[in-house]
Amino acid sequence: MADVINLNKARKARARATGKQSAVENRAKFGRTGADRSLEAARKARADAALDGAKLTPED
């Protein structure tokens, strides 16, 4: 004979597991320090400036 399970507890356990998984994904996506964000912004600004400086202007 099969074991009897409480469907409400099974549903809540499944919801808890998916919540933990989404928390892991959000930490990876948004969980950066201020130093990391500022470093990335500085690198992007420097790369944009180098790209703008290398653009050729069409001659009239």
PDB file of N, CA and C in Angstrom:
ATOM      1  N   MET A   1       0.837  -1.170   0.000  1.00  0.00           N
ATOM      2  CA  MET A   1       0.000   0.000   0.000  1.00  0.00           C
ATOM      3  C   MET A   1       0.889   1.242   0.000  1.00  0.00           C
ATOM      4  N   ALA A   2       0.465   2.280  -0.692  1.00  0.00           N
ATOM      5  CA  ALA A   2       1.253   3.505  -0.825  1.00  0.00           C
ATOM      6  C   ALA A   2       1.175   4.346   0.440  1.00  0.00           C
ATOM      7  N   ASP A   3       2.199   5.144   0.637  1.00  0.00           N
ATOM      8  CA  ASP A   3       2.202   6.043   1.788  1.00  0.00           C
ATOM      9  C   ASP A   3       1.223   7.189   1.551  1.00  0.00           C
ATOM     10  N   VAL A   4       0.594   7.616   2.594  1.00  0.00           N
ATOM     11  CA  VAL A   4      -0.339   8.735   2.529  1.00  0.00           C
ATOM     12  C   VAL A   4       0.468  10.009   2.718  1.00  0.00           C
ATOM     13  N   ILE A   5       0.244  10.969   1.825  1.00  0.00           N
ATOM     14  CA  ILE A   5       0.956  12.241   1.947  1.00  0.00           C
ATOM     15  C   ILE A   5      -0.051  13.366   2.099  1.00  0.00           C
ATOM     16  N   ASN A   6       0.357  14.395   2.758  1.00  0.00           N
ATOM     17  CA  ASN A   6      -0.470  15.584   2.915  1.00  0.00           C
ATOM     18  C   ASN A   6      -0.203  16.473   1.708  1.00  0.00           C
ATOM     19  N   LEU A   7      -1.205  16.654   0.863  1.00  0.00           N
ATOM     20  CA  LEU A   7      -1.018  17.421  -0.370  1.00  0.00           C
ATOM     21  C   LEU A   7      -0.698  18.882  -0.091  1.00  0.00           C
ATOM     22  N   ASN A   8      -1.230  19.417   0.986  1.00  0.00           N
ATOM     23  CA  ASN A   8      -0.950  20.804   1.324  1.00  0.00           C
ATOM     24  C   ASN A   8       0.531  20.978   1.673  1.00  0.00           C
ATOM     25  N   LYS A   9       1.077  20.045   2.432  1.00  0.00           N
ATOM     26  CA  LYS A   9       2.501  20.110   2.785  1.00  0.00           C
ATOM     27  C   LYS A   9       3.381  19.900   1.555  1.00  0.00           C
ATOM     28  N   ALA A  10       2.965  19.007   0.662  1.00  0.00           N
ATOM     29  CA  ALA A  10       3.736  18.772  -0.559  1.00  0.00           C
ATOM     30  C   ALA A  10       3.732  20.023  -1.442  1.00  0.00           C
ATOM     31  N   ARG A  11       2.593  20.686  -1.539  1.00  0.00           N
ATOM     32  CA  ARG A  11       2.504  21.908  -2.342  1.00  0.00           C
ATOM     33  C   ARG A  11       3.391  23.004  -1.763  1.00  0.00           C
ATOM     34  N   LYS A  12       3.338  23.153  -0.442  1.00  0.00           N
ATOM     35  CA  LYS A  12       4.162  24.179   0.205  1.00  0.00           C
ATOM     36  C   LYS A  12       5.657  23.870   0.072  1.00  0.00           C
ATOM     37  N   ALA A  13       6.029  22.615   0.147  1.00  0.00           N
ATOM     38  CA  ALA A  13       7.439  22.237  -0.006  1.00  0.00           C
ATOM     39  C   ALA A  13       7.921  22.531  -1.418  1.00  0.00           C
ATOM     40  N   ARG A  14       7.069  22.250  -2.412  1.00  0.00           N
ATOM     41  CA  ARG A  14       7.441  22.536  -3.796  1.00  0.00           C
ATOM     42  C   ARG A  14       7.578  24.047  -4.010  1.00  0.00           C
ATOM     43  N   ALA A  15       6.678  24.836  -3.438  1.00  0.00           N
ATOM     44  CA  ALA A  15       6.751  26.293  -3.559  1.00  0.00           C
ATOM     45  C   ALA A  15       8.009  26.824  -2.874  1.00  0.00           C
ATOM     46  N   ARG A  16       8.354  26.241  -1.741  1.00  0.00           N
ATOM     47  CA  ARG A  16       9.558  26.660  -1.023  1.00  0.00           C
ATOM     48  C   ARG A  16      10.814  26.375  -1.848  1.00  0.00           C
ATOM     49  N   ALA A  17      10.828  25.228  -2.507  1.00  0.00           N
ATOM     50  CA  ALA A  17      11.988  24.856  -3.322  1.00  0.00           C
ATOM     51  C   ALA A  17      12.132  25.784  -4.523  1.00  0.00           C
ATOM     52  N   THR A  18      11.031  26.113  -5.175  1.00  0.00           N
ATOM     53  CA  THR A  18      11.124  27.030  -6.323  1.00  0.00           C
ATOM     54  C   THR A  18      11.497  28.428  -5.857  1.00  0.00           C
ATOM     55  N   GLY A  19      11.042  28.820  -4.674  1.00  0.00           N
ATOM     56  CA  GLY A  19      11.424  30.119  -4.120  1.00  0.00           C
ATOM     57  C   GLY A  19      12.908  30.199  -3.843  1.00  0.00           C
ATOM     58  N   LYS A  20      13.457  29.124  -3.315  1.00  0.00           N
ATOM     59  CA  LYS A  20      14.900  29.106  -3.047  1.00  0.00           C
ATOM     60  C   LYS A  20      15.696  29.173  -4.342  1.00  0.00           C
ATOM     61  N   GLN A  21      15.206  28.487  -5.372  1.00  0.00           N
ATOM     62  CA  GLN A  21      15.899  28.513  -6.664  1.00  0.00           C
ATOM     63  C   GLN A  21      15.874  29.909  -7.266  1.00  0.00           C
ATOM     64  N   SER A  22      14.738  30.587  -7.201  1.00  0.00           N
ATOM     65  CA  SER A  22      14.668  31.942  -7.750  1.00  0.00           C
ATOM     66  C   SER A  22      15.530  32.898  -6.926  1.00  0.00           C
ATOM     67  N   ALA A  23      15.655  32.655  -5.619  1.00  0.00           N
ATOM     68  CA  ALA A  23      16.522  33.483  -4.784  1.00  0.00           C
ATOM     69  C   ALA A  23      17.982  33.328  -5.192  1.00  0.00           C
ATOM     70  N   VAL A  24      18.384  32.119  -5.506  1.00  0.00           N
ATOM     71  CA  VAL A  24      19.763  31.876  -5.958  1.00  0.00           C
ATOM     72  C   VAL A  24      20.016  32.614  -7.270  1.00  0.00           C
ATOM     73  N   GLU A  25      19.048  32.547  -8.193  1.00  0.00           N
ATOM     74  CA  GLU A  25      19.204  33.234  -9.481  1.00  0.00           C
ATOM     75  C   GLU A  25      19.262  34.748  -9.291  1.00  0.00           C
ATOM     76  N   ASN A  26      18.424  35.287  -8.414  1.00  0.00           N
ATOM     77  CA  ASN A  26      18.417  36.730  -8.181  1.00  0.00           C
ATOM     78  C   ASN A  26      19.700  37.191  -7.501  1.00  0.00           C
ATOM     79  N   ARG A  27      20.250  36.383  -6.605  1.00  0.00           N
ATOM     80  CA  ARG A  27      21.519  36.761  -5.984  1.00  0.00           C
ATOM     81  C   ARG A  27      22.628  36.823  -7.018  1.00  0.00           C
ATOM     82  N   ALA A  28      22.602  35.889  -7.955  1.00  0.00           N
ATOM     83  CA  ALA A  28      23.626  35.888  -9.000  1.00  0.00           C
ATOM     84  C   ALA A  28      23.437  37.081  -9.930  1.00  0.00           C
ATOM     85  N   LYS A  29      22.207  37.453 -10.192  1.00  0.00           N
ATOM     86  CA  LYS A  29      21.923  38.524 -11.143  1.00  0.00           C
ATOM     87  C   LYS A  29      22.108  39.910 -10.526  1.00  0.00           C
ATOM     88  N   PHE A  30      21.599  40.114  -9.304  1.00  0.00           N
ATOM     89  CA  PHE A  30      21.563  41.453  -8.718  1.00  0.00           C
ATOM     90  C   PHE A  30      22.465  41.632  -7.516  1.00  0.00           C
ATOM     91  N   GLY A  31      23.074  40.599  -7.021  1.00  0.00           N
ATOM     92  CA  GLY A  31      23.804  40.683  -5.765  1.00  0.00           C
ATOM     93  C   GLY A  31      25.242  41.114  -5.912  1.00  0.00           C
ATOM     94  N   ARG A  32      25.468  42.269  -6.501  1.00  0.00           N
ATOM     95  CA  ARG A  32      26.836  42.760  -6.646  1.00  0.00           C
ATOM     96  C   ARG A  32      27.079  43.882  -5.653  1.00  0.00           C
ATOM     97  N   THR A  33      28.309  44.057  -5.264  1.00  0.00           N
ATOM     98  CA  THR A  33      28.652  45.116  -4.328  1.00  0.00           C
ATOM     99  C   THR A  33      28.735  46.445  -5.068  1.00  0.00           C
ATOM    100  N   GLY A  34      28.745  47.513  -4.318  1.00  0.00           N
ATOM    101  CA  GLY A  34      28.857  48.839  -4.905  1.00  0.00           C
ATOM    102  C   GLY A  34      30.180  49.010  -5.638  1.00  0.00           C
ATOM    103  N   ALA A  35      31.231  48.418  -5.106  1.00  0.00           N
ATOM    104  CA  ALA A  35      32.538  48.509  -5.748  1.00  0.00           C
ATOM    105  C   ALA A  35      32.526  47.813  -7.104  1.00  0.00           C
ATOM    106  N   ASP A  36      31.870  46.676  -7.178  1.00  0.00           N
ATOM    107  CA  ASP A  36      31.776  45.957  -8.453  1.00  0.00           C
ATOM    108  C   ASP A  36      31.017  46.777  -9.488  1.00  0.00           C
ATOM    109  N   ARG A  37      29.897  47.386  -9.051  1.00  0.00           N
ATOM    110  CA  ARG A  37      29.097  48.196  -9.979  1.00  0.00           C
ATOM    111  C   ARG A  37      29.873  49.418 -10.461  1.00  0.00           C
ATOM    112  N   SER A  38      30.576  50.097  -9.554  1.00  0.00           N
ATOM    113  CA  SER A  38      31.324  51.289  -9.953  1.00  0.00           C
ATOM    114  C   SER A  38      32.505  50.919 -10.849  1.00  0.00           C
ATOM    115  N   LEU A  39      33.153  49.786 -10.585  1.00  0.00           N
ATOM    116  CA  LEU A  39      34.257  49.337 -11.427  1.00  0.00           C
ATOM    117  C   LEU A  39      33.766  49.035 -12.834  1.00  0.00           C
ATOM    118  N   GLU A  40      32.632  48.357 -12.931  1.00  0.00           N
ATOM    119  CA  GLU A  40      32.077  48.052 -14.244  1.00  0.00           C
ATOM    120  C   GLU A  40      31.668  49.326 -14.980  1.00  0.00           C
ATOM    121  N   ALA A  41      31.099  50.291 -14.268  1.00  0.00           N
ATOM    122  CA  ALA A  41      30.706  51.559 -14.890  1.00  0.00           C
ATOM    123  C   ALA A  41      31.935  52.309 -15.395  1.00  0.00           C
ATOM    124  N   ALA A  42      33.019  52.304 -14.616  1.00  0.00           N
ATOM    125  CA  ALA A  42      34.240  52.971 -15.038  1.00  0.00           C
ATOM    126  C   ALA A  42      34.839  52.300 -16.271  1.00  0.00           C
ATOM    127  N   ARG A  43      34.826  50.984 -16.296  1.00  0.00           N
ATOM    128  CA  ARG A  43      35.349  50.259 -17.468  1.00  0.00           C
ATOM    129  C   ARG A  43      34.506  50.544 -18.704  1.00  0.00           C
ATOM    130  N   LYS A  44      33.188  50.597 -18.524  1.00  0.00           N
ATOM    131  CA  LYS A  44      32.297  50.877 -19.651  1.00  0.00           C
ATOM    132  C   LYS A  44      32.513  52.293 -20.163  1.00  0.00           C
ATOM    133  N   ALA A  45      32.672  53.252 -19.257  1.00  0.00           N
ATOM    134  CA  ALA A  45      32.905  54.638 -19.661  1.00  0.00           C
ATOM    135  C   ALA A  45      34.222  54.758 -20.422  1.00  0.00           C
ATOM    136  N   ARG A  46      35.238  54.064 -19.954  1.00  0.00           N
ATOM    137  CA  ARG A  46      36.539  54.118 -20.618  1.00  0.00           C
ATOM    138  C   ARG A  46      36.470  53.481 -22.013  1.00  0.00           C
ATOM    139  N   ALA A  47      35.753  52.360 -22.127  1.00  0.00           N
ATOM    140  CA  ALA A  47      35.609  51.700 -23.421  1.00  0.00           C
ATOM    141  C   ALA A  47      34.795  52.567 -24.380  1.00  0.00           C
ATOM    142  N   ASP A  48      33.745  53.219 -23.873  1.00  0.00           N
ATOM    143  CA  ASP A  48      32.939  54.108 -24.716  1.00  0.00           C
ATOM    144  C   ASP A  48      33.764  55.300 -25.195  1.00  0.00           C
ATOM    145  N   ALA A  49      34.591  55.846 -24.315  1.00  0.00           N
ATOM    146  CA  ALA A  49      35.432  56.973 -24.693  1.00  0.00           C
ATOM    147  C   ALA A  49      36.451  56.548 -25.749  1.00  0.00           C
ATOM    148  N   ALA A  50      37.027  55.376 -25.617  1.00  0.00           N
ATOM    149  CA  ALA A  50      37.993  54.888 -26.602  1.00  0.00           C
ATOM    150  C   ALA A  50      37.316  54.645 -27.942  1.00  0.00           C
ATOM    151  N   LEU A  51      36.093  54.145 -27.906  1.00  0.00           N
ATOM    152  CA  LEU A  51      35.356  53.898 -29.136  1.00  0.00           C
ATOM    153  C   LEU A  51      34.985  55.206 -29.821  1.00  0.00           C
ATOM    154  N   ASP A  52      34.537  56.184 -29.042  1.00  0.00           N
ATOM    155  CA  ASP A  52      34.187  57.483 -29.621  1.00  0.00           C
ATOM    156  C   ASP A  52      35.410  58.185 -30.186  1.00  0.00           C
ATOM    157  N   GLY A  53      36.554  57.997 -29.551  1.00  0.00           N
ATOM    158  CA  GLY A  53      37.777  58.626 -30.026  1.00  0.00           C
ATOM    159  C   GLY A  53      38.285  57.992 -31.310  1.00  0.00           C
ATOM    160  N   ALA A  54      37.919  56.773 -31.593  1.00  0.00           N
ATOM    161  CA  ALA A  54      38.404  56.069 -32.772  1.00  0.00           C
ATOM    162  C   ALA A  54      37.477  56.207 -33.968  1.00  0.00           C
ATOM    163  N   LYS A  55      36.350  56.909 -33.788  1.00  0.00           N
ATOM    164  CA  LYS A  55      35.413  57.062 -34.893  1.00  0.00           C
ATOM    165  C   LYS A  55      35.986  57.981 -35.966  1.00  0.00           C
ATOM    166  N   LEU A  56      35.718  57.629 -37.189  1.00  0.00           N
ATOM    167  CA  LEU A  56      36.144  58.467 -38.305  1.00  0.00           C
ATOM    168  C   LEU A  56      35.005  59.399 -38.669  1.00  0.00           C
ATOM    169  N   THR A  57      35.357  60.629 -38.985  1.00  0.00           N
ATOM    170  CA  THR A  57      34.323  61.571 -39.414  1.00  0.00           C
ATOM    171  C   THR A  57      34.360  61.659 -40.927  1.00  0.00           C
ATOM    172  N   PRO A  58      33.205  61.696 -41.543  1.00  0.00           N
ATOM    173  CA  PRO A  58      33.197  61.814 -43.007  1.00  0.00           C
ATOM    174  C   PRO A  58      33.679  63.208 -43.431  1.00  0.00           C
ATOM    175  N   GLU A  59      34.448  63.217 -44.499  1.00  0.00           N
ATOM    176  CA  GLU A  59      34.967  64.505 -44.987  1.00  0.00           C
ATOM    177  C   GLU A  59      33.880  65.181 -45.825  1.00  0.00           C
ATOM    178  N   ASP A  60      33.852  66.491 -45.725  1.00  0.00           N
ATOM    179  CA  ASP A  60      32.828  67.254 -46.477  1.00  0.00           C
ATOM    180  C   ASP A  60      33.158  67.350 -47.929  1.00  0.00           C
TER     181      ASP A  60
END
